[in-house]
Amino acid sequence: MKKQLFSLALAVVFGFTAAANTPIDGEKKVVKPSESSVTWKGYKVTGSHAGTISLKEGFLEFDGKKLIGGEFVVDMTTLETTDDMGDMSAKLNGHLKSDDFFGVEAHPTSKLVIKSANSFNKNSYTVTGDLTIKGITKPVTFVVSVFENKATATLKVDRSKYNVKYNSGSFFDNLGDKMIYDEFDLVVDMAF
């Protein structure tokens, strides 16, 4: 009986030691969409438009306190302008969701997958990832700052890389003041 108890005790001790030394893949911290926001701003020759879009789901992955990955899905059906344009707001919202821009009916979500995160100070990282819009995936690089249970990021996205052609100088000539610049800004504030 003593021999069995000793063997059992050794198995438990070595089992805990082995488990303690086994590396973990990372801790996934789920983003809370209701406490997070994504704002956008697009530019044209004669001004700009701004709006919001909702985060559907996502997570950030950490190794201890260090950001190592993440994945996010944006609900393209929530794309809205916040410009005060009266009845024109609904028209612009519909146009942005149409095939001229983001083709939301065929592509109801967009996705960002973080491939690498390199810290350059205590809370900030240069992040490289794959951004998918309209079913087209391209690499992007941007900065993410993490403080406690919040993260912020600002991205410049070149819409021409995702087949968003409407009034783009990259696809059409002689647009004059109808031209819309290819790059738009995304500002992401996440709570997890």
N, C-alpha and C. Protein backbone atom coordinates (compact mmCIF):
# COMPACT_ATOMS: atom_id res chain seq x y z
N MET A 1 0.84 -1.19 0.00
CA MET A 1 0.00 0.00 0.00
C MET A 1 0.88 1.25 0.00
N LYS A 2 1.97 1.25 0.84
CA LYS A 2 2.86 2.41 0.89
C LYS A 2 3.51 2.64 -0.47
N LYS A 3 3.86 1.54 -1.12
CA LYS A 3 4.52 1.64 -2.43
C LYS A 3 3.56 2.27 -3.45
N GLN A 4 2.28 1.90 -3.40
CA GLN A 4 1.29 2.46 -4.33
C GLN A 4 1.08 3.94 -4.06
N LEU A 5 1.01 4.33 -2.78
CA LEU A 5 0.82 5.75 -2.43
C LEU A 5 2.03 6.57 -2.88
N PHE A 6 3.26 6.00 -2.66
CA PHE A 6 4.46 6.69 -3.08
C PHE A 6 4.48 6.87 -4.60
N SER A 7 4.10 5.83 -5.33
CA SER A 7 4.05 5.89 -6.80
C SER A 7 3.02 6.92 -7.25
N LEU A 8 1.87 6.93 -6.60
CA LEU A 8 0.83 7.90 -6.94
C LEU A 8 1.30 9.32 -6.66
N ALA A 9 1.96 9.53 -5.51
CA ALA A 9 2.48 10.86 -5.17
C ALA A 9 3.51 11.31 -6.19
N LEU A 10 4.42 10.44 -6.61
CA LEU A 10 5.42 10.78 -7.63
C LEU A 10 4.74 11.14 -8.96
N ALA A 11 3.74 10.37 -9.32
CA ALA A 11 3.03 10.64 -10.59
C ALA A 11 2.36 12.01 -10.55
N VAL A 12 1.76 12.36 -9.42
CA VAL A 12 1.10 13.66 -9.28
C VAL A 12 2.13 14.78 -9.35
N VAL A 13 3.24 14.64 -8.59
CA VAL A 13 4.28 15.68 -8.57
C VAL A 13 4.87 15.87 -9.96
N PHE A 14 5.26 14.78 -10.61
CA PHE A 14 5.86 14.89 -11.95
C PHE A 14 4.83 15.36 -12.99
N GLY A 15 3.57 14.96 -12.80
CA GLY A 15 2.52 15.42 -13.71
C GLY A 15 2.35 16.93 -13.63
N PHE A 16 2.32 17.49 -12.40
CA PHE A 16 2.21 18.95 -12.24
C PHE A 16 3.43 19.66 -12.79
N THR A 17 4.61 19.09 -12.56
CA THR A 17 5.84 19.71 -13.06
C THR A 17 5.83 19.73 -14.58
N ALA A 18 5.42 18.65 -15.20
CA ALA A 18 5.37 18.59 -16.67
C ALA A 18 4.35 19.59 -17.20
N ALA A 19 3.20 19.69 -16.53
CA ALA A 19 2.18 20.64 -16.98
C ALA A 19 2.66 22.07 -16.82
N ALA A 20 3.39 22.36 -15.77
CA ALA A 20 3.88 23.72 -15.53
C ALA A 20 4.93 24.12 -16.56
N ASN A 21 5.67 23.16 -17.09
CA ASN A 21 6.72 23.46 -18.06
C ASN A 21 6.24 23.35 -19.51
N THR A 22 4.99 22.93 -19.73
CA THR A 22 4.47 22.83 -21.09
C THR A 22 4.09 24.22 -21.58
N PRO A 23 4.65 24.66 -22.72
CA PRO A 23 4.32 26.00 -23.20
C PRO A 23 2.86 26.09 -23.64
N ILE A 24 2.25 27.22 -23.40
CA ILE A 24 0.89 27.44 -23.85
C ILE A 24 0.94 28.26 -25.14
N ASP A 25 -0.06 28.09 -25.98
CA ASP A 25 -0.11 28.79 -27.26
C ASP A 25 -0.32 30.28 -27.09
N GLY A 26 -0.97 30.68 -26.06
CA GLY A 26 -1.29 32.08 -25.84
C GLY A 26 -2.69 32.20 -25.29
N GLU A 27 -2.94 33.30 -24.63
CA GLU A 27 -4.25 33.53 -24.06
C GLU A 27 -5.07 34.39 -25.01
N LYS A 28 -6.23 33.88 -25.39
CA LYS A 28 -7.12 34.63 -26.27
C LYS A 28 -8.07 35.46 -25.43
N LYS A 29 -8.05 36.76 -25.67
CA LYS A 29 -8.96 37.66 -24.97
C LYS A 29 -10.02 38.12 -25.96
N VAL A 30 -11.25 37.73 -25.69
CA VAL A 30 -12.36 38.01 -26.60
C VAL A 30 -12.73 39.48 -26.54
N VAL A 31 -12.88 40.08 -27.71
CA VAL A 31 -13.27 41.49 -27.81
C VAL A 31 -14.77 41.61 -27.55
N LYS A 32 -15.15 42.67 -26.85
CA LYS A 32 -16.56 42.93 -26.56
C LYS A 32 -17.08 43.93 -27.60
N PRO A 33 -17.80 43.44 -28.62
CA PRO A 33 -18.26 44.33 -29.70
C PRO A 33 -19.11 45.51 -29.20
N SER A 34 -19.94 45.28 -28.20
CA SER A 34 -20.82 46.35 -27.72
C SER A 34 -20.06 47.48 -27.04
N GLU A 35 -18.81 47.22 -26.61
CA GLU A 35 -18.00 48.23 -25.95
C GLU A 35 -16.85 48.71 -26.85
N SER A 36 -16.88 48.29 -28.12
CA SER A 36 -15.82 48.63 -29.07
C SER A 36 -16.40 49.48 -30.19
N SER A 37 -15.52 50.19 -30.91
CA SER A 37 -16.01 51.00 -32.02
C SER A 37 -15.00 51.01 -33.16
N VAL A 38 -15.54 51.15 -34.37
CA VAL A 38 -14.72 51.32 -35.57
C VAL A 38 -15.29 52.52 -36.30
N THR A 39 -14.46 53.53 -36.51
CA THR A 39 -14.88 54.70 -37.28
C THR A 39 -14.03 54.76 -38.55
N TRP A 40 -14.60 55.35 -39.59
CA TRP A 40 -13.89 55.47 -40.86
C TRP A 40 -13.99 56.90 -41.38
N LYS A 41 -13.04 57.26 -42.23
CA LYS A 41 -13.08 58.56 -42.88
C LYS A 41 -12.49 58.40 -44.29
N GLY A 42 -13.28 58.80 -45.27
CA GLY A 42 -12.86 58.74 -46.67
C GLY A 42 -12.74 60.16 -47.21
N TYR A 43 -11.86 60.33 -48.20
CA TYR A 43 -11.54 61.66 -48.68
C TYR A 43 -11.81 61.77 -50.19
N LYS A 44 -12.30 62.93 -50.58
CA LYS A 44 -12.49 63.24 -51.99
C LYS A 44 -11.94 64.63 -52.26
N VAL A 45 -11.86 64.99 -53.50
CA VAL A 45 -11.28 66.28 -53.88
C VAL A 45 -12.01 67.43 -53.18
N THR A 46 -13.32 67.31 -53.04
CA THR A 46 -14.12 68.41 -52.49
C THR A 46 -14.42 68.27 -51.00
N GLY A 47 -13.81 67.32 -50.31
CA GLY A 47 -14.06 67.19 -48.87
C GLY A 47 -13.86 65.77 -48.37
N SER A 48 -14.72 65.34 -47.48
CA SER A 48 -14.59 64.01 -46.88
C SER A 48 -15.94 63.55 -46.35
N HIS A 49 -16.02 62.28 -46.04
CA HIS A 49 -17.16 61.70 -45.35
C HIS A 49 -16.62 60.82 -44.23
N ALA A 50 -17.37 60.72 -43.15
CA ALA A 50 -16.98 59.90 -42.01
C ALA A 50 -18.16 59.06 -41.56
N GLY A 51 -17.86 57.97 -40.85
CA GLY A 51 -18.93 57.13 -40.38
C GLY A 51 -18.45 56.06 -39.43
N THR A 52 -19.31 55.07 -39.24
CA THR A 52 -19.02 53.97 -38.32
C THR A 52 -19.31 52.64 -39.00
N ILE A 53 -18.79 51.61 -38.40
CA ILE A 53 -19.06 50.23 -38.80
C ILE A 53 -18.86 49.39 -37.54
N SER A 54 -19.65 48.34 -37.40
CA SER A 54 -19.61 47.56 -36.16
C SER A 54 -18.70 46.35 -36.25
N LEU A 55 -18.00 46.12 -35.16
CA LEU A 55 -17.21 44.92 -35.00
C LEU A 55 -18.18 43.79 -34.66
N LYS A 56 -18.11 42.69 -35.39
CA LYS A 56 -19.00 41.56 -35.16
C LYS A 56 -18.44 40.64 -34.08
N GLU A 57 -17.14 40.32 -34.20
CA GLU A 57 -16.49 39.44 -33.23
C GLU A 57 -14.99 39.55 -33.40
N GLY A 58 -14.27 39.04 -32.41
CA GLY A 58 -12.83 39.04 -32.53
C GLY A 58 -12.15 38.70 -31.23
N PHE A 59 -10.83 38.55 -31.33
CA PHE A 59 -10.03 38.29 -30.14
C PHE A 59 -8.61 38.81 -30.37
N LEU A 60 -7.95 39.11 -29.27
CA LEU A 60 -6.52 39.40 -29.28
C LEU A 60 -5.84 38.25 -28.56
N GLU A 61 -4.67 37.86 -29.03
CA GLU A 61 -3.95 36.76 -28.41
C GLU A 61 -2.67 37.29 -27.77
N PHE A 62 -2.43 36.89 -26.52
CA PHE A 62 -1.29 37.36 -25.75
C PHE A 62 -0.45 36.19 -25.27
N ASP A 63 0.85 36.43 -25.18
CA ASP A 63 1.78 35.54 -24.49
C ASP A 63 2.22 36.32 -23.27
N GLY A 64 1.62 36.02 -22.11
CA GLY A 64 1.81 36.87 -20.94
C GLY A 64 1.12 38.20 -21.20
N LYS A 65 1.88 39.29 -21.19
CA LYS A 65 1.31 40.61 -21.48
C LYS A 65 1.65 41.07 -22.89
N LYS A 66 2.34 40.22 -23.66
CA LYS A 66 2.80 40.60 -25.00
C LYS A 66 1.78 40.17 -26.06
N LEU A 67 1.37 41.11 -26.90
CA LEU A 67 0.47 40.83 -28.00
C LEU A 67 1.18 39.95 -29.03
N ILE A 68 0.54 38.85 -29.44
CA ILE A 68 1.16 37.96 -30.43
C ILE A 68 0.25 37.67 -31.62
N GLY A 69 -1.04 38.00 -31.53
CA GLY A 69 -1.94 37.70 -32.63
C GLY A 69 -3.33 38.22 -32.38
N GLY A 70 -4.22 37.88 -33.29
CA GLY A 70 -5.61 38.28 -33.16
C GLY A 70 -6.36 38.09 -34.45
N GLU A 71 -7.66 38.18 -34.36
CA GLU A 71 -8.52 38.03 -35.53
C GLU A 71 -9.81 38.79 -35.27
N PHE A 72 -10.29 39.49 -36.30
CA PHE A 72 -11.47 40.34 -36.14
C PHE A 72 -12.36 40.24 -37.36
N VAL A 73 -13.66 40.25 -37.13
CA VAL A 73 -14.63 40.25 -38.21
C VAL A 73 -15.49 41.50 -38.05
N VAL A 74 -15.65 42.24 -39.15
CA VAL A 74 -16.45 43.46 -39.17
C VAL A 74 -17.74 43.18 -39.93
N ASP A 75 -18.86 43.65 -39.41
CA ASP A 75 -20.18 43.49 -40.02
C ASP A 75 -20.39 44.61 -41.03
N MET A 76 -20.16 44.34 -42.31
CA MET A 76 -20.25 45.36 -43.35
C MET A 76 -21.67 45.90 -43.52
N THR A 77 -22.68 45.15 -43.08
CA THR A 77 -24.06 45.62 -43.21
C THR A 77 -24.34 46.81 -42.30
N THR A 78 -23.46 47.07 -41.34
CA THR A 78 -23.66 48.19 -40.41
C THR A 78 -22.95 49.46 -40.87
N LEU A 79 -22.36 49.43 -42.05
CA LEU A 79 -21.65 50.59 -42.60
C LEU A 79 -22.59 51.79 -42.68
N GLU A 80 -22.24 52.87 -42.00
CA GLU A 80 -23.10 54.07 -41.94
C GLU A 80 -22.23 55.32 -42.00
N THR A 81 -22.77 56.36 -42.58
CA THR A 81 -22.13 57.67 -42.52
C THR A 81 -22.65 58.41 -41.30
N THR A 82 -21.80 59.19 -40.68
CA THR A 82 -22.23 60.01 -39.55
C THR A 82 -22.31 61.48 -39.94
N ASP A 83 -22.08 61.77 -41.23
CA ASP A 83 -22.22 63.14 -41.71
C ASP A 83 -23.67 63.58 -41.59
N ASP A 84 -23.88 64.82 -41.21
CA ASP A 84 -25.23 65.36 -41.11
C ASP A 84 -25.63 65.89 -42.49
N MET A 85 -26.27 65.01 -43.28
CA MET A 85 -26.65 65.38 -44.64
C MET A 85 -28.14 65.23 -44.88
N GLY A 86 -28.92 65.11 -43.83
CA GLY A 86 -30.36 64.96 -43.99
C GLY A 86 -30.70 63.70 -44.77
N ASP A 87 -31.58 63.84 -45.78
CA ASP A 87 -32.02 62.71 -46.59
C ASP A 87 -30.90 62.09 -47.41
N MET A 88 -29.85 62.84 -47.66
CA MET A 88 -28.73 62.33 -48.46
C MET A 88 -27.93 61.27 -47.72
N SER A 89 -28.02 61.22 -46.39
CA SER A 89 -27.29 60.21 -45.62
C SER A 89 -27.71 58.81 -46.02
N ALA A 90 -29.02 58.57 -46.12
CA ALA A 90 -29.52 57.24 -46.50
C ALA A 90 -29.05 56.88 -47.90
N LYS A 91 -29.04 57.84 -48.79
CA LYS A 91 -28.58 57.58 -50.17
C LYS A 91 -27.10 57.20 -50.18
N LEU A 92 -26.27 57.94 -49.42
CA LEU A 92 -24.85 57.63 -49.34
C LEU A 92 -24.62 56.27 -48.70
N ASN A 93 -25.37 55.96 -47.63
CA ASN A 93 -25.24 54.66 -46.98
C ASN A 93 -25.51 53.52 -47.97
N GLY A 94 -26.57 53.68 -48.75
CA GLY A 94 -26.92 52.67 -49.75
C GLY A 94 -25.85 52.55 -50.82
N HIS A 95 -25.30 53.69 -51.25
CA HIS A 95 -24.26 53.67 -52.28
C HIS A 95 -23.00 52.98 -51.77
N LEU A 96 -22.61 53.26 -50.53
CA LEU A 96 -21.41 52.62 -49.96
C LEU A 96 -21.58 51.10 -49.84
N LYS A 97 -22.81 50.65 -49.63
CA LYS A 97 -23.07 49.21 -49.50
C LYS A 97 -23.24 48.54 -50.86
N SER A 98 -23.39 49.32 -51.92
CA SER A 98 -23.61 48.78 -53.26
C SER A 98 -22.32 48.22 -53.86
N ASP A 99 -22.46 47.60 -55.03
CA ASP A 99 -21.30 47.04 -55.71
C ASP A 99 -20.31 48.11 -56.17
N ASP A 100 -20.74 49.37 -56.28
CA ASP A 100 -19.82 50.46 -56.61
C ASP A 100 -18.71 50.56 -55.56
N PHE A 101 -19.05 50.25 -54.32
CA PHE A 101 -18.08 50.33 -53.24
C PHE A 101 -17.83 48.95 -52.63
N PHE A 102 -18.53 48.58 -51.56
CA PHE A 102 -18.16 47.39 -50.79
C PHE A 102 -19.00 46.14 -51.06
N GLY A 103 -19.99 46.21 -51.93
CA GLY A 103 -20.75 45.01 -52.31
C GLY A 103 -21.20 44.18 -51.13
N VAL A 104 -21.88 44.84 -50.20
CA VAL A 104 -22.22 44.23 -48.91
C VAL A 104 -23.13 43.01 -49.04
N GLU A 105 -24.00 43.00 -50.05
CA GLU A 105 -24.90 41.85 -50.20
C GLU A 105 -24.09 40.56 -50.44
N ALA A 106 -23.09 40.64 -51.29
CA ALA A 106 -22.25 39.48 -51.58
C ALA A 106 -21.13 39.28 -50.55
N HIS A 107 -20.75 40.37 -49.90
CA HIS A 107 -19.63 40.33 -48.94
C HIS A 107 -20.04 40.99 -47.63
N PRO A 108 -20.88 40.32 -46.81
CA PRO A 108 -21.42 40.94 -45.60
C PRO A 108 -20.42 41.15 -44.47
N THR A 109 -19.24 40.54 -44.58
CA THR A 109 -18.22 40.73 -43.54
C THR A 109 -16.86 41.02 -44.18
N SER A 110 -16.01 41.67 -43.42
CA SER A 110 -14.60 41.83 -43.74
C SER A 110 -13.82 41.27 -42.56
N LYS A 111 -12.55 40.93 -42.80
CA LYS A 111 -11.80 40.24 -41.75
C LYS A 111 -10.36 40.72 -41.70
N LEU A 112 -9.83 40.80 -40.49
CA LEU A 112 -8.41 41.12 -40.28
C LEU A 112 -7.81 40.02 -39.41
N VAL A 113 -6.70 39.43 -39.88
CA VAL A 113 -5.99 38.41 -39.11
C VAL A 113 -4.58 38.93 -38.85
N ILE A 114 -4.22 39.06 -37.58
CA ILE A 114 -2.88 39.52 -37.22
C ILE A 114 -1.90 38.36 -37.38
N LYS A 115 -0.86 38.57 -38.17
CA LYS A 115 0.16 37.55 -38.42
C LYS A 115 1.38 37.72 -37.51
N SER A 116 1.73 38.98 -37.20
CA SER A 116 2.87 39.22 -36.31
C SER A 116 2.68 40.56 -35.61
N ALA A 117 3.27 40.67 -34.43
CA ALA A 117 3.22 41.90 -33.64
C ALA A 117 4.59 42.10 -33.00
N ASN A 118 5.25 43.19 -33.35
CA ASN A 118 6.58 43.49 -32.81
C ASN A 118 6.50 44.73 -31.94
N SER A 119 6.82 44.57 -30.65
CA SER A 119 6.71 45.70 -29.73
C SER A 119 7.84 46.69 -29.97
N PHE A 120 7.51 47.99 -29.88
CA PHE A 120 8.54 49.02 -29.98
C PHE A 120 8.56 49.91 -28.75
N ASN A 121 7.65 49.68 -27.82
CA ASN A 121 7.73 50.22 -26.47
C ASN A 121 6.81 49.38 -25.59
N LYS A 122 6.61 49.78 -24.36
CA LYS A 122 5.89 48.96 -23.40
C LYS A 122 4.48 48.57 -23.87
N ASN A 123 3.78 49.46 -24.53
CA ASN A 123 2.38 49.22 -24.87
C ASN A 123 2.07 49.22 -26.36
N SER A 124 3.04 49.48 -27.23
CA SER A 124 2.75 49.64 -28.65
C SER A 124 3.46 48.61 -29.50
N TYR A 125 2.78 48.24 -30.59
CA TYR A 125 3.27 47.20 -31.47
C TYR A 125 3.11 47.63 -32.93
N THR A 126 4.08 47.26 -33.75
CA THR A 126 3.91 47.32 -35.19
C THR A 126 3.34 45.97 -35.59
N VAL A 127 2.16 45.99 -36.17
CA VAL A 127 1.43 44.77 -36.47
C VAL A 127 1.36 44.58 -37.98
N THR A 128 1.55 43.35 -38.41
CA THR A 128 1.35 42.98 -39.81
C THR A 128 0.24 41.94 -39.83
N GLY A 129 -0.67 42.11 -40.77
CA GLY A 129 -1.78 41.17 -40.86
C GLY A 129 -2.32 41.07 -42.25
N ASP A 130 -3.34 40.25 -42.40
CA ASP A 130 -4.04 40.08 -43.67
C ASP A 130 -5.43 40.67 -43.52
N LEU A 131 -5.75 41.64 -44.38
CA LEU A 131 -7.06 42.27 -44.39
C LEU A 131 -7.83 41.76 -45.60
N THR A 132 -9.05 41.29 -45.35
CA THR A 132 -9.91 40.79 -46.42
C THR A 132 -11.12 41.70 -46.55
N ILE A 133 -11.27 42.29 -47.73
CA ILE A 133 -12.43 43.12 -48.08
C ILE A 133 -12.92 42.64 -49.44
N LYS A 134 -14.22 42.43 -49.59
CA LYS A 134 -14.81 41.96 -50.85
C LYS A 134 -14.17 40.66 -51.31
N GLY A 135 -13.78 39.80 -50.36
CA GLY A 135 -13.20 38.52 -50.70
C GLY A 135 -11.75 38.58 -51.17
N ILE A 136 -11.15 39.76 -51.12
CA ILE A 136 -9.76 39.95 -51.56
C ILE A 136 -8.90 40.17 -50.32
N THR A 137 -7.83 39.40 -50.18
CA THR A 137 -6.95 39.49 -49.02
C THR A 137 -5.62 40.10 -49.41
N LYS A 138 -5.22 41.14 -48.66
CA LYS A 138 -3.95 41.83 -48.89
C LYS A 138 -3.28 42.09 -47.55
N PRO A 139 -1.94 42.15 -47.53
CA PRO A 139 -1.24 42.44 -46.28
C PRO A 139 -1.36 43.92 -45.90
N VAL A 140 -1.43 44.17 -44.60
CA VAL A 140 -1.45 45.54 -44.07
C VAL A 140 -0.51 45.62 -42.87
N THR A 141 0.04 46.79 -42.64
CA THR A 141 0.88 47.05 -41.47
C THR A 141 0.37 48.30 -40.79
N PHE A 142 0.28 48.26 -39.45
CA PHE A 142 -0.26 49.38 -38.69
C PHE A 142 0.22 49.28 -37.25
N VAL A 143 -0.11 50.27 -36.45
CA VAL A 143 0.29 50.31 -35.04
C VAL A 143 -0.91 50.02 -34.15
N VAL A 144 -0.68 49.17 -33.15
CA VAL A 144 -1.68 48.87 -32.12
C VAL A 144 -1.10 49.23 -30.77
N SER A 145 -1.89 49.93 -29.96
CA SER A 145 -1.50 50.23 -28.57
C SER A 145 -2.45 49.49 -27.64
N VAL A 146 -1.89 48.85 -26.62
CA VAL A 146 -2.67 48.06 -25.67
C VAL A 146 -2.46 48.62 -24.28
N PHE A 147 -3.57 48.93 -23.59
CA PHE A 147 -3.54 49.41 -22.21
C PHE A 147 -4.58 48.64 -21.43
N GLU A 148 -4.12 47.82 -20.49
CA GLU A 148 -4.99 47.01 -19.64
C GLU A 148 -5.95 46.19 -20.50
N ASN A 149 -7.26 46.51 -20.49
CA ASN A 149 -8.22 45.71 -21.25
C ASN A 149 -8.76 46.48 -22.47
N LYS A 150 -7.93 47.37 -23.02
CA LYS A 150 -8.32 48.14 -24.21
C LYS A 150 -7.18 48.14 -25.22
N ALA A 151 -7.55 48.22 -26.48
CA ALA A 151 -6.56 48.33 -27.56
C ALA A 151 -7.07 49.32 -28.59
N THR A 152 -6.16 50.09 -29.17
CA THR A 152 -6.52 51.04 -30.21
C THR A 152 -5.59 50.84 -31.40
N ALA A 153 -6.13 51.11 -32.59
CA ALA A 153 -5.34 51.00 -33.81
C ALA A 153 -5.86 52.00 -34.83
N THR A 154 -4.95 52.49 -35.66
CA THR A 154 -5.32 53.35 -36.78
C THR A 154 -4.71 52.74 -38.03
N LEU A 155 -5.54 52.54 -39.05
CA LEU A 155 -5.09 51.93 -40.29
C LEU A 155 -5.40 52.86 -41.46
N LYS A 156 -4.52 52.89 -42.43
CA LYS A 156 -4.79 53.50 -43.73
C LYS A 156 -5.01 52.34 -44.68
N VAL A 157 -6.14 52.33 -45.36
CA VAL A 157 -6.48 51.25 -46.26
C VAL A 157 -6.60 51.81 -47.68
N ASP A 158 -5.95 51.16 -48.63
CA ASP A 158 -6.03 51.54 -50.03
C ASP A 158 -7.14 50.72 -50.69
N ARG A 159 -8.28 51.35 -50.91
CA ARG A 159 -9.45 50.65 -51.43
C ARG A 159 -9.23 50.06 -52.81
N SER A 160 -8.32 50.65 -53.59
CA SER A 160 -8.09 50.15 -54.95
C SER A 160 -7.54 48.72 -54.94
N LYS A 161 -6.89 48.32 -53.86
CA LYS A 161 -6.37 46.96 -53.75
C LYS A 161 -7.47 45.92 -53.54
N TYR A 162 -8.68 46.40 -53.20
CA TYR A 162 -9.80 45.52 -52.89
C TYR A 162 -10.92 45.66 -53.92
N ASN A 163 -10.58 46.15 -55.10
CA ASN A 163 -11.53 46.28 -56.20
C ASN A 163 -12.69 47.23 -55.87
N VAL A 164 -12.41 48.25 -55.08
CA VAL A 164 -13.39 49.30 -54.79
C VAL A 164 -13.02 50.47 -55.71
N LYS A 165 -13.64 50.50 -56.89
CA LYS A 165 -13.18 51.36 -57.98
C LYS A 165 -13.90 52.69 -58.12
N TYR A 166 -15.06 52.85 -57.54
CA TYR A 166 -15.90 54.01 -57.85
C TYR A 166 -15.14 55.33 -57.72
N ASN A 167 -15.11 56.08 -58.82
CA ASN A 167 -14.46 57.40 -58.91
C ASN A 167 -13.03 57.41 -58.37
N SER A 168 -12.33 56.31 -58.59
CA SER A 168 -10.93 56.20 -58.18
C SER A 168 -10.02 56.66 -59.31
N GLY A 169 -9.08 57.54 -58.99
CA GLY A 169 -8.10 57.99 -59.97
C GLY A 169 -7.17 56.88 -60.42
N SER A 170 -7.14 55.76 -59.70
CA SER A 170 -6.32 54.62 -60.11
C SER A 170 -6.96 53.84 -61.26
N PHE A 171 -8.26 54.01 -61.46
CA PHE A 171 -8.97 53.27 -62.50
C PHE A 171 -9.55 54.16 -63.60
N PHE A 172 -9.81 55.44 -63.27
CA PHE A 172 -10.49 56.32 -64.23
C PHE A 172 -9.73 57.63 -64.40
N ASP A 173 -9.75 58.15 -65.63
CA ASP A 173 -9.12 59.43 -65.93
C ASP A 173 -10.16 60.54 -65.95
N ASN A 174 -9.69 61.76 -65.85
CA ASN A 174 -10.52 62.97 -66.03
C ASN A 174 -11.72 63.03 -65.09
N LEU A 175 -11.54 62.65 -63.85
CA LEU A 175 -12.63 62.70 -62.87
C LEU A 175 -12.82 64.11 -62.30
N GLY A 176 -11.80 64.94 -62.40
CA GLY A 176 -11.90 66.30 -61.87
C GLY A 176 -12.27 66.30 -60.40
N ASP A 177 -13.26 67.13 -60.04
CA ASP A 177 -13.64 67.22 -58.62
C ASP A 177 -14.55 66.08 -58.17
N LYS A 178 -14.80 65.12 -59.03
CA LYS A 178 -15.58 63.92 -58.66
C LYS A 178 -14.69 62.80 -58.11
N MET A 179 -13.37 63.00 -58.18
CA MET A 179 -12.45 61.95 -57.75
C MET A 179 -12.52 61.73 -56.23
N ILE A 180 -12.51 60.45 -55.87
CA ILE A 180 -12.45 60.04 -54.47
C ILE A 180 -11.09 59.38 -54.28
N TYR A 181 -10.34 59.82 -53.27
CA TYR A 181 -9.01 59.27 -53.04
C TYR A 181 -9.10 57.80 -52.64
N ASP A 182 -8.06 57.05 -52.99
CA ASP A 182 -8.06 55.61 -52.73
C ASP A 182 -7.91 55.28 -51.25
N GLU A 183 -7.11 56.02 -50.53
CA GLU A 183 -6.89 55.70 -49.12
C GLU A 183 -8.00 56.25 -48.23
N PHE A 184 -8.45 55.40 -47.30
CA PHE A 184 -9.36 55.85 -46.26
C PHE A 184 -8.80 55.40 -44.91
N ASP A 185 -9.23 56.06 -43.85
CA ASP A 185 -8.73 55.80 -42.50
C ASP A 185 -9.73 54.98 -41.70
N LEU A 186 -9.22 54.06 -40.90
CA LEU A 186 -10.00 53.32 -39.92
C LEU A 186 -9.39 53.57 -38.55
N VAL A 187 -10.22 53.92 -37.58
CA VAL A 187 -9.78 54.05 -36.19
C VAL A 187 -10.57 53.03 -35.37
N VAL A 188 -9.85 52.13 -34.72
CA VAL A 188 -10.46 51.03 -34.00
C VAL A 188 -10.16 51.16 -32.50
N ASP A 189 -11.20 51.15 -31.69
CA ASP A 189 -11.07 51.12 -30.23
C ASP A 189 -11.75 49.85 -29.75
N MET A 190 -10.98 48.96 -29.14
CA MET A 190 -11.52 47.67 -28.70
C MET A 190 -11.43 47.51 -27.20
N ALA A 191 -12.46 46.91 -26.65
CA ALA A 191 -12.47 46.52 -25.23
C ALA A 191 -12.52 45.01 -25.18
N PHE A 192 -11.76 44.41 -24.27
CA PHE A 192 -11.78 42.94 -24.14
C PHE A 192 -11.75 42.55 -22.67
